[in-house]
Amino acid sequence: MKGALTAVLTVGCHGKNWHQPDPAATALRLSALHDGLVALILSGLDAISPAEAERHLRHAFLLECQGSFEPR
């Protein structure tokens, strides 16, 4: 997953859709967050809902873009 995410982030940077100084590092951080959120969801402890997990991932992505991304 990390390789595909790195590719998507790199293409977005080259297309000037957003700015990230190191797409590979961003992919690693977002992948780690994703995996942790999945673990919480699958644990069955009702720690987080899928919708909350998605909000966390979207927020993390926006933070990684350093304010250079405008969601549509």
Protein backbone atom coordinates (compact mmCIF):
# COMPACT_ATOMS: atom_id res chain seq x y z
CA MET A 1 0.00 0.00 0.00
CA LYS A 2 2.80 2.41 0.86
CA GLY A 3 4.30 2.22 -2.64
CA ALA A 4 1.00 3.01 -4.33
CA LEU A 5 0.29 5.83 -1.89
CA THR A 6 3.76 7.28 -2.47
CA ALA A 7 3.09 7.22 -6.22
CA VAL A 8 -0.26 9.00 -5.85
CA LEU A 9 1.21 11.63 -3.54
CA THR A 10 4.15 12.21 -5.89
CA VAL A 11 1.86 12.62 -8.91
CA GLY A 12 -0.23 15.12 -6.93
CA CYS A 13 2.89 17.10 -6.06
CA HIS A 14 4.10 17.15 -9.67
CA GLY A 15 0.62 18.20 -10.80
CA LYS A 16 0.71 21.00 -8.20
CA ASN A 17 -2.44 19.68 -6.55
CA TRP A 18 -0.68 19.94 -3.17
CA HIS A 19 2.78 20.42 -1.70
CA GLN A 20 4.63 17.81 0.30
CA PRO A 21 8.40 17.99 0.77
CA ASP A 22 8.75 14.20 1.07
CA PRO A 23 5.86 12.14 -0.38
CA ALA A 24 7.48 8.86 0.71
CA ALA A 25 7.63 9.99 4.35
CA THR A 26 4.06 11.26 4.13
CA ALA A 27 2.95 7.89 2.74
CA LEU A 28 4.68 6.12 5.63
CA ARG A 29 2.97 8.30 8.25
CA LEU A 30 -0.46 8.04 6.62
CA SER A 31 -0.07 4.27 6.23
CA ALA A 32 0.87 3.92 9.90
CA LEU A 33 -2.14 5.99 10.94
CA HIS A 34 -4.39 3.94 8.64
CA ASP A 35 -3.13 0.65 10.10
CA GLY A 36 -3.61 1.88 13.66
CA LEU A 37 -7.14 3.05 12.95
CA VAL A 38 -8.00 -0.27 11.29
CA ALA A 39 -6.70 -2.10 14.36
CA LEU A 40 -8.95 0.01 16.59
CA ILE A 41 -11.98 -0.65 14.39
CA LEU A 42 -11.32 -4.39 14.21
CA SER A 43 -10.63 -4.70 17.93
CA GLY A 44 -14.34 -4.62 18.63
CA LEU A 45 -13.84 -2.24 21.53
CA ASP A 46 -15.97 0.48 19.91
CA ALA A 47 -12.97 2.76 20.22
CA ILE A 48 -13.65 4.48 16.91
CA SER A 49 -16.19 4.28 14.10
CA PRO A 50 -15.23 3.95 10.45
CA ALA A 51 -16.53 7.47 9.83
CA GLU A 52 -14.35 8.86 12.63
CA ALA A 53 -11.36 6.97 11.24
CA GLU A 54 -11.94 8.51 7.81
CA ARG A 55 -12.13 11.99 9.35
CA HIS A 56 -8.80 11.40 11.11
CA LEU A 57 -7.16 10.26 7.87
CA ARG A 58 -8.53 13.19 5.90
CA HIS A 59 -7.36 15.62 8.59
CA ALA A 60 -3.89 14.06 8.65
CA PHE A 61 -3.68 14.37 4.86
CA LEU A 62 -4.59 18.05 5.04
CA LEU A 63 -1.94 18.63 7.71
CA GLU A 64 0.63 16.84 5.56
CA CYS A 65 -0.21 19.15 2.63
CA GLN A 66 0.87 22.14 4.71
CA GLY A 67 -2.25 24.10 3.82
CA SER A 68 -1.65 23.76 0.08
CA PHE A 69 -4.66 21.56 -0.67
CA GLU A 70 -8.21 22.79 -1.13
CA PRO A 71 -10.74 19.93 -0.89
CA ARG A 72 -13.40 19.96 -3.56
